[in-house]
Amino acid sequence: MRSTLDPLPMVAMTVTAVAISATVPLTAASASPSARAFYRNCLGFATLGPILLVLRPREVMRATRGERGLLRRE
């Protein structure tokens, strides 16, 4: 019996490995902790932002318009 691999966990593990390995040069290059936090947040958004826009566009539009109750069920 042959098992099939789900591609989503494989992609998630790859993104995690790249994100963790990318923090070392950024930590060495930055002088302040706030700069490190800024770069880590930018990398996280650049990585996960397009996926979020594809999977949940309605929630993104509501958040950009500043609507409240984002966690409430509709």
Protein backbone atom coordinates (compact mmCIF):
# COMPACT_ATOMS: atom_id res chain seq x y z
CA MET A 1 0.00 0.00 0.00
CA ARG A 2 1.44 3.33 -1.05
CA SER A 3 0.91 6.40 1.13
CA THR A 4 0.41 9.85 -0.33
CA LEU A 5 1.96 12.96 1.16
CA ASP A 6 -0.11 16.07 1.70
CA PRO A 7 1.73 19.03 0.11
CA LEU A 8 0.49 21.64 2.62
CA PRO A 9 2.46 20.31 5.64
CA MET A 10 5.53 19.91 3.44
CA VAL A 11 5.29 23.55 2.34
CA ALA A 12 4.72 24.67 5.94
CA MET A 13 7.82 22.80 7.12
CA THR A 14 9.89 24.29 4.30
CA VAL A 15 8.71 27.84 5.08
CA THR A 16 9.49 27.29 8.76
CA ALA A 17 13.01 26.05 8.03
CA VAL A 18 13.73 28.99 5.71
CA ALA A 19 12.33 31.50 8.21
CA ILE A 20 14.41 30.13 11.07
CA SER A 21 17.59 30.04 9.00
CA ALA A 22 16.99 33.59 7.73
CA THR A 23 16.87 35.06 11.24
CA VAL A 24 20.54 34.34 11.99
CA PRO A 25 22.03 36.74 9.41
CA LEU A 26 19.42 39.37 10.25
CA THR A 27 20.23 39.10 13.95
CA ALA A 28 23.92 39.49 13.27
CA ALA A 29 23.41 42.45 10.95
CA SER A 30 21.02 44.44 13.11
CA ALA A 31 22.08 46.47 16.08
CA SER A 32 18.88 46.88 18.05
CA PRO A 33 16.17 44.45 19.15
CA SER A 34 13.45 46.59 17.59
CA ALA A 35 15.16 46.31 14.19
CA ARG A 36 15.25 42.53 14.59
CA ALA A 37 11.55 42.45 15.40
CA PHE A 38 10.76 44.67 12.42
CA TYR A 39 12.67 42.44 9.99
CA ARG A 40 11.13 39.25 11.39
CA ASN A 41 7.63 40.70 11.04
CA CYS A 42 8.36 41.85 7.49
CA LEU A 43 9.64 38.41 6.52
CA GLY A 44 6.62 36.76 8.10
CA PHE A 45 4.20 39.00 6.27
CA ALA A 46 6.03 38.63 2.97
CA THR A 47 5.89 34.86 3.35
CA LEU A 48 2.37 34.39 4.68
CA GLY A 49 0.63 37.47 3.26
CA PRO A 50 0.02 36.10 -0.25
CA ILE A 51 -1.25 32.81 1.19
CA LEU A 52 -3.63 34.73 3.45
CA LEU A 53 -4.87 36.81 0.52
CA VAL A 54 -5.65 33.66 -1.46
CA LEU A 55 -7.23 31.62 1.34
CA ARG A 56 -9.17 34.32 3.22
CA PRO A 57 -9.70 37.41 1.07
CA ARG A 58 -12.92 38.44 2.82
CA GLU A 59 -11.26 38.62 6.24
CA VAL A 60 -8.38 40.65 4.80
CA MET A 61 -10.80 43.17 3.28
CA ARG A 62 -12.67 43.48 6.57
CA ALA A 63 -9.42 44.03 8.48
CA THR A 64 -8.19 46.70 6.04
CA ARG A 65 -11.48 48.56 6.32
CA GLY A 66 -11.13 48.56 10.10
CA GLU A 67 -14.27 46.59 10.85
CA ARG A 68 -14.65 45.29 14.36
CA GLY A 69 -15.71 41.81 15.38
CA LEU A 70 -13.25 39.94 13.18
CA LEU A 71 -13.40 36.88 15.40
CA ARG A 72 -17.18 36.75 15.51
CA ARG A 73 -18.93 34.11 13.43
CA GLU A 74 -21.21 35.30 10.68
